[in-house]
Amino acid sequence: MKRAELHIYQSSTIPEVRMKGGGILPEAENPDARVVLIQPDGTAIAHAAMWWRDTPLLDGVPVGTIGAFAALDGGAAEQILQAAMTTLREAGCSVAVGPMNGNTWRSYRFVTESSDRKSFLLEPRNTDGYPAWWRGAGFRDLSHYTSSVMPLDGVATFPARLRERLEKSGLVIRKIDPTKFDEELELIYELSLKCFTKNFLYTPLGKEAFVGGYQRIKERVDEDFVRIAERGGVACGFIFGIADLEATLRGEKPALIVKTLAVDPASRCAGLGSLLVDEIHQSAWRKGYTEAIHALQHETNTSLKITGRHQGNVFRRYTLFYQGL
C-alpha cells in the first residue's frame, strides 16, 4: 500500500489540493516555502508554511516561523513539522517559532485552554489536539496570552481628578473621523511604530500593509469604539475596539472587543491607557452592550492591570511555541 508523500514547494504558490474530507488548505500570506503531506488519492492530510525572511528576532537572532498549520492526526503532524523544521534549518535558521504566519501582525498562537464561551471576531482558533501534537514533536512553550471578559455597567473606574489633570495638561481625546479614514490610519500607524517597537517578537510593518489590513474591516469599524488622544496636535495614544460581529451572526448579543491599546511612553501621560479603556467601555454601555472582551493580552502586558481593575475573568489562554534547530 502506498503511503502519503511529502511535497515541499519553495514558493508561496502550490498546485490545487484539498484536505482529506473536502476542507481547504489554511491561508498562508506570502510564505517562503510550503510543505504538504499528500495521500495517493491526491488529498492532503497535513500542511504547513514556513517563513525565514523578515521574521522577528528572539534574543537578537532571526527566527524561522511555521504557520498555516493543519493536520488530521498526530502522526501526520509529526511528519509535517519535522519537514518544516528541516526546511528552516536548511535556510539557515537556528530556532523555529509557531504557529505564526511570518510575524505577529498576522495570525499566530494556539488556543491551549478554554471555557465554553464561543470564539470571537479576529481570534485564533485551532483543533484541540494541535498543541499536544506540537509538544509531541519537541516544541516548548515560548509565551502565553489570555482573553478576559468583564461586565459593563457604565461606572467610570478612572478617577475624575486624574482626568482633570490630563485635560489641564492639554490632552484631548477624540473619536476617529470616518470621513478621513485613511489619514487617521496613517496617524495610528506612526503612533504604533513608537509604541510597539519594544513588544515581544516585534517586527516593523510597512505603512501600506498596515493601512490595507485595517481597510479590510473599514465597514465594520464603529467610530464610537476608536479613540485618539492628542496633545498640542500630536497623537500620544489610541484605543481600537470593535463589536464581536461573529456573535451577531450567531444571533447572540455581541460584546465589545478591545483589540489594541497603545500609549506613547515619551508622552508622559500616566493613566492615559486606563482613561482610554474607560472611554470606550462607557460608550459601549450607552449603546446597549453589557460585556467587553480584553483580547489576546501577552502575559507581560501592563494592560493586564487595567483588565484586573475591571474585574476581568480569563476565559481563554493561548500559547506560542518554539524549538531549537
Protein backbone atom coordinates (compact mmCIF):
# COMPACT_ATOMS: atom_id res chain seq x y z
CA MET A 1 0.00 0.00 0.00
CA LYS A 2 1.34 3.40 -0.94
CA ARG A 3 1.98 5.89 1.83
CA ALA A 4 1.39 9.61 1.95
CA GLU A 5 4.26 11.60 0.49
CA LEU A 6 5.76 14.95 1.48
CA HIS A 7 5.78 17.65 -1.18
CA ILE A 8 7.84 20.77 -0.50
CA TYR A 9 7.25 23.90 -2.57
CA GLN A 10 9.88 26.65 -2.46
CA SER A 11 7.36 29.42 -3.14
CA SER A 12 4.04 30.71 -1.91
CA THR A 13 2.09 29.03 -4.70
CA ILE A 14 1.29 25.32 -4.83
CA PRO A 15 -0.83 23.09 -7.07
CA GLU A 16 -4.50 22.97 -6.18
CA VAL A 17 -5.06 20.36 -3.49
CA ARG A 18 -7.72 19.89 -0.83
CA MET A 19 -7.59 18.40 2.63
CA LYS A 20 -8.99 14.93 3.11
CA GLY A 21 -12.69 15.31 3.81
CA GLY A 22 -13.03 18.26 1.46
CA GLY A 23 -11.60 21.13 3.50
CA ILE A 24 -9.29 23.72 2.00
CA LEU A 25 -5.67 24.31 2.96
CA PRO A 26 -5.09 27.05 5.55
CA GLU A 27 -4.33 30.54 4.28
CA ALA A 28 -0.65 31.49 4.20
CA GLU A 29 0.44 35.07 3.48
CA ASN A 30 3.43 35.02 1.12
CA PRO A 31 5.43 32.23 2.77
CA ASP A 32 8.96 31.37 1.70
CA ALA A 33 8.01 27.69 1.35
CA ARG A 34 5.13 25.29 1.97
CA VAL A 35 5.02 21.59 2.71
CA VAL A 36 2.06 19.29 2.15
CA LEU A 37 1.59 15.65 3.10
CA ILE A 38 -0.41 14.14 0.23
CA GLN A 39 -2.10 10.76 0.06
CA PRO A 40 -2.10 8.57 -3.07
CA ASP A 41 -5.65 9.78 -3.84
CA GLY A 42 -4.35 13.35 -4.11
CA THR A 43 -5.84 14.71 -0.88
CA ALA A 44 -3.75 16.34 1.84
CA ILE A 45 -3.63 15.15 5.43
CA ALA A 46 -1.25 17.84 6.72
CA HIS A 47 0.05 21.25 5.67
CA ALA A 48 2.43 23.91 6.98
CA ALA A 49 4.03 27.06 5.64
CA MET A 50 7.47 28.43 6.55
CA TRP A 51 8.91 31.92 6.67
CA TRP A 52 12.56 32.90 7.23
CA ARG A 53 12.76 36.34 5.62
CA ASP A 54 11.61 39.45 7.53
CA THR A 55 10.79 37.40 10.62
CA PRO A 56 11.05 38.51 14.29
CA LEU A 57 14.16 38.43 16.45
CA LEU A 58 14.37 36.19 19.51
CA ASP A 59 17.27 37.11 21.80
CA GLY A 60 18.74 39.04 18.88
CA VAL A 61 18.57 36.09 16.47
CA PRO A 62 16.15 35.95 13.49
CA VAL A 63 13.76 33.03 13.78
CA GLY A 64 12.09 30.81 11.25
CA THR A 65 8.34 30.59 11.70
CA ILE A 66 5.88 27.78 10.99
CA GLY A 67 2.26 28.67 10.39
CA ALA A 68 -0.85 27.85 8.33
CA PHE A 69 -0.74 24.51 10.11
CA ALA A 70 -3.27 21.75 9.63
CA ALA A 71 -3.12 18.01 10.31
CA LEU A 72 -5.67 15.24 10.59
CA ASP A 73 -3.81 13.24 13.25
CA GLY A 74 -0.71 13.22 15.42
CA GLY A 75 1.31 11.11 13.02
CA ALA A 76 0.70 13.47 10.12
CA ALA A 77 1.50 16.41 12.40
CA GLU A 78 4.85 14.85 13.35
CA GLN A 79 5.80 14.36 9.70
CA ILE A 80 4.82 17.83 8.57
CA LEU A 81 6.54 19.56 11.50
CA GLN A 82 9.76 17.61 11.01
CA ALA A 83 9.75 18.54 7.32
CA ALA A 84 9.08 22.19 8.15
CA MET A 85 11.93 22.29 10.67
CA THR A 86 14.31 20.64 8.19
CA THR A 87 13.40 23.29 5.62
CA LEU A 88 14.04 26.10 8.11
CA ARG A 89 17.34 24.54 9.20
CA GLU A 90 18.48 24.33 5.57
CA ALA A 91 17.52 28.00 5.16
CA GLY A 92 19.96 28.89 7.96
CA CYS A 93 17.55 29.24 10.89
CA SER A 94 18.56 28.10 14.37
CA VAL A 95 15.15 28.49 16.05
CA ALA A 96 11.62 27.67 14.89
CA VAL A 97 8.63 29.57 16.34
CA GLY A 98 4.98 28.86 15.76
CA PRO A 99 2.27 28.76 14.97
CA MET A 100 2.97 32.08 13.29
CA ASN A 101 2.30 33.22 9.75
CA GLY A 102 5.59 35.05 9.42
CA ASN A 103 5.18 37.73 12.10
CA THR A 104 2.88 38.95 14.87
CA TRP A 105 0.94 41.25 12.53
CA ARG A 106 -0.60 38.09 11.07
CA SER A 107 -2.25 35.01 12.54
CA TYR A 108 -0.33 33.33 15.36
CA ARG A 109 -0.76 31.33 18.63
CA PHE A 110 -2.83 28.27 19.51
CA VAL A 111 -5.75 28.18 21.92
CA THR A 112 -4.49 25.93 24.74
CA GLU A 113 -7.18 26.38 27.43
CA SER A 114 -10.77 27.48 27.05
CA SER A 115 -14.11 27.87 28.75
CA ASP A 116 -17.23 27.02 26.78
CA ARG A 117 -17.50 30.60 25.53
CA LYS A 118 -17.61 30.64 21.73
CA SER A 119 -14.89 32.16 19.55
CA PHE A 120 -14.92 35.90 18.94
CA LEU A 121 -14.04 38.05 15.94
CA LEU A 122 -10.33 38.09 14.97
CA GLU A 123 -9.46 35.36 17.50
CA PRO A 124 -7.14 32.47 16.55
CA ARG A 125 -8.75 29.05 16.58
CA ASN A 126 -7.50 25.53 16.18
CA THR A 127 -8.28 21.85 16.65
CA ASP A 128 -7.93 20.88 20.33
CA GLY A 129 -5.20 18.34 19.62
CA TYR A 130 -2.80 20.70 17.87
CA PRO A 131 -0.89 21.96 20.96
CA ALA A 132 -0.27 18.40 22.18
CA TRP A 133 0.94 17.34 18.74
CA TRP A 134 3.40 20.25 18.62
CA ARG A 135 4.68 19.41 22.09
CA GLY A 136 4.98 15.79 21.00
CA ALA A 137 7.20 16.98 18.15
CA GLY A 138 9.55 18.64 20.64
CA PHE A 139 8.17 22.18 20.80
CA ARG A 140 8.13 24.02 24.12
CA ASP A 141 6.13 26.98 25.40
CA LEU A 142 7.63 30.33 24.43
CA SER A 143 4.98 32.83 25.54
CA HIS A 144 1.43 32.91 26.87
CA TYR A 145 -1.60 35.15 26.27
CA THR A 146 -5.11 35.50 27.65
CA SER A 147 -8.50 36.91 26.74
CA SER A 148 -10.77 38.13 29.52
CA VAL A 149 -14.42 39.14 29.70
CA MET A 150 -15.92 41.71 32.04
CA PRO A 151 -19.35 43.27 32.64
CA LEU A 152 -20.16 46.79 31.51
CA ASP A 153 -22.19 48.86 33.92
CA GLY A 154 -21.45 52.43 32.83
CA VAL A 155 -19.49 53.21 36.01
CA ALA A 156 -16.21 55.03 35.43
CA THR A 157 -13.19 53.45 37.09
CA PHE A 158 -10.82 56.28 36.18
CA PRO A 159 -10.63 58.94 38.92
CA ALA A 160 -12.12 62.31 37.95
CA ARG A 161 -9.17 64.21 39.44
CA LEU A 162 -6.72 62.34 37.19
CA ARG A 163 -8.87 63.04 34.15
CA GLU A 164 -8.84 66.73 35.05
CA ARG A 165 -5.05 66.66 35.44
CA LEU A 166 -4.60 65.17 31.99
CA GLU A 167 -7.04 67.62 30.45
CA LYS A 168 -5.24 70.57 32.09
CA SER A 169 -2.01 69.33 30.54
CA GLY A 170 -3.60 69.90 27.13
CA LEU A 171 -4.72 66.34 26.44
CA VAL A 172 -7.70 65.96 24.13
CA ILE A 173 -9.41 62.63 23.41
CA ARG A 174 -11.50 62.37 20.26
CA LYS A 175 -13.22 59.76 18.11
CA ILE A 176 -11.75 58.61 14.82
CA ASP A 177 -13.02 60.67 11.89
CA PRO A 178 -14.58 58.18 9.41
CA THR A 179 -14.55 60.81 6.63
CA LYS A 180 -10.73 60.85 6.86
CA PHE A 181 -10.26 57.15 7.45
CA ASP A 182 -7.00 56.75 5.52
CA GLU A 183 -5.44 59.81 7.17
CA GLU A 184 -6.46 58.57 10.60
CA LEU A 185 -4.94 55.16 9.88
CA GLU A 186 -1.66 56.77 8.89
CA LEU A 187 -1.65 58.69 12.18
CA ILE A 188 -2.34 55.46 14.10
CA TYR A 189 0.39 53.72 12.11
CA GLU A 190 3.02 56.31 13.05
CA LEU A 191 1.96 56.08 16.69
CA SER A 192 2.12 52.28 16.58
CA LEU A 193 5.75 52.45 15.45
CA LYS A 194 6.55 54.43 18.60
CA CYS A 195 4.51 52.28 20.97
CA PHE A 196 5.14 48.72 19.83
CA THR A 197 8.86 48.71 18.99
CA LYS A 198 9.76 47.00 22.29
CA ASN A 199 6.94 44.46 22.15
CA PHE A 200 7.84 40.78 22.28
CA LEU A 201 8.77 39.48 18.78
CA TYR A 202 8.07 42.87 17.23
CA THR A 203 8.77 43.34 13.52
CA PRO A 204 8.29 46.60 11.58
CA LEU A 205 5.39 46.69 9.13
CA GLY A 206 5.19 48.93 6.07
CA LYS A 207 2.56 51.65 6.05
CA GLU A 208 0.74 50.25 3.03
CA ALA A 209 0.38 46.82 4.65
CA PHE A 210 -0.80 48.35 7.95
CA VAL A 211 -3.38 50.60 6.31
CA GLY A 212 -4.50 47.80 4.00
CA GLY A 213 -5.14 45.49 6.94
CA TYR A 214 -7.48 47.99 8.58
CA GLN A 215 -9.08 48.91 5.26
CA ARG A 216 -10.40 45.37 5.02
CA ILE A 217 -12.53 45.91 8.13
CA LYS A 218 -13.44 49.56 7.41
CA GLU A 219 -17.16 48.83 7.09
CA ARG A 220 -17.14 47.11 10.50
CA VAL A 221 -15.47 49.98 12.37
CA ASP A 222 -17.72 51.95 14.72
CA GLU A 223 -16.29 55.42 15.38
CA ASP A 224 -17.60 55.24 18.96
CA PHE A 225 -15.15 52.44 19.68
CA VAL A 226 -11.98 54.14 18.44
CA ARG A 227 -10.33 56.96 20.39
CA ILE A 228 -7.24 59.01 19.61
CA ALA A 229 -5.54 61.07 22.33
CA GLU A 230 -3.64 64.19 21.30
CA ARG A 231 -1.73 66.95 22.97
CA GLY A 232 -0.79 70.05 21.03
CA GLY A 233 -1.92 68.35 17.83
CA VAL A 234 0.45 65.40 18.39
CA ALA A 235 -1.03 61.93 18.82
CA CYS A 236 0.10 60.28 22.05
CA GLY A 237 -2.26 57.31 22.40
CA PHE A 238 -5.11 55.39 20.82
CA ILE A 239 -7.51 52.55 21.50
CA PHE A 240 -9.21 50.42 18.89
CA GLY A 241 -12.32 48.43 19.70
CA ILE A 242 -14.75 46.53 17.53
CA ALA A 243 -18.04 44.74 18.07
CA ASP A 244 -17.96 40.94 18.13
CA LEU A 245 -19.72 40.50 14.82
CA GLU A 246 -19.30 36.73 14.96
CA ALA A 247 -21.64 36.71 17.95
CA THR A 248 -24.08 38.88 15.99
CA LEU A 249 -24.08 36.39 13.10
CA ARG A 250 -24.85 33.61 15.59
CA GLY A 251 -27.87 35.59 16.79
CA GLU A 252 -26.21 36.41 20.10
CA LYS A 253 -25.72 39.74 21.83
CA PRO A 254 -22.20 40.93 20.91
CA ALA A 255 -19.50 42.06 23.30
CA LEU A 256 -17.17 44.97 22.69
CA ILE A 257 -13.71 43.66 21.79
CA VAL A 258 -10.86 45.87 22.99
CA LYS A 259 -8.35 44.89 20.33
CA THR A 260 -5.48 47.39 20.57
CA LEU A 261 -4.39 49.89 23.23
CA ALA A 262 -1.25 51.98 22.80
CA VAL A 263 0.28 54.95 24.64
CA ASP A 264 3.50 56.64 23.56
CA PRO A 265 5.86 56.27 26.55
CA ALA A 266 7.51 59.57 25.64
CA SER A 267 4.22 61.46 26.06
CA ARG A 268 4.38 61.25 29.88
CA CYS A 269 0.64 60.68 30.12
CA ALA A 270 0.39 58.44 33.17
CA GLY A 271 -3.03 56.81 33.33
CA LEU A 272 -3.94 57.51 29.72
CA GLY A 273 -4.38 53.81 28.91
CA SER A 274 -6.91 53.40 31.72
CA LEU A 275 -8.75 56.54 30.61
CA LEU A 276 -9.00 55.32 27.01
CA VAL A 277 -10.39 51.97 28.14
CA ASP A 278 -12.97 53.75 30.31
CA GLU A 279 -13.95 55.93 27.35
CA ILE A 280 -14.92 53.08 25.04
CA HIS A 281 -16.32 50.89 27.83
CA GLN A 282 -18.78 53.64 28.70
CA SER A 283 -19.52 54.34 25.04
CA ALA A 284 -20.36 50.67 24.51
CA TRP A 285 -22.55 50.59 27.64
CA ARG A 286 -24.51 53.62 26.38
CA LYS A 287 -25.13 51.73 23.13
CA GLY A 288 -26.55 48.72 24.98
CA TYR A 289 -23.50 46.47 25.27
CA THR A 290 -23.26 44.52 28.52
CA GLU A 291 -19.80 42.92 28.16
CA ALA A 292 -16.31 43.77 26.98
CA ILE A 293 -13.51 41.43 25.96
CA HIS A 294 -9.89 42.41 26.50
CA ALA A 295 -8.40 40.29 23.78
CA LEU A 296 -5.13 38.39 23.36
CA GLN A 297 -3.04 40.08 26.06
CA HIS A 298 0.58 39.00 26.42
CA GLU A 299 1.50 37.70 29.87
CA THR A 300 3.81 40.71 30.47
CA ASN A 301 1.43 43.33 29.09
CA THR A 302 0.89 46.23 31.50
CA SER A 303 -2.71 46.46 30.25
CA LEU A 304 -3.46 43.36 32.34
CA LYS A 305 -3.58 45.70 35.35
CA ILE A 306 -6.38 47.62 33.65
CA THR A 307 -8.19 44.35 32.94
CA GLY A 308 -7.89 43.44 36.62
CA ARG A 309 -9.40 46.74 37.73
CA HIS A 310 -12.42 45.96 35.56
CA GLN A 311 -12.88 42.53 37.19
CA GLY A 312 -11.90 40.73 34.03
CA ASN A 313 -12.24 36.94 34.09
CA VAL A 314 -9.93 34.89 31.87
CA PHE A 315 -11.92 32.61 29.57
CA ARG A 316 -9.24 31.67 27.02
CA ARG A 317 -5.50 31.03 27.11
CA TYR A 318 -3.13 30.84 24.15
CA THR A 319 0.43 29.65 23.66
CA LEU A 320 3.22 30.31 21.19
CA PHE A 321 5.81 27.56 20.84
CA TYR A 322 9.49 27.27 19.88
CA GLN A 323 12.18 24.67 19.25
CA GLY A 324 15.88 24.94 18.61
CA LEU A 325 17.06 23.64 15.25
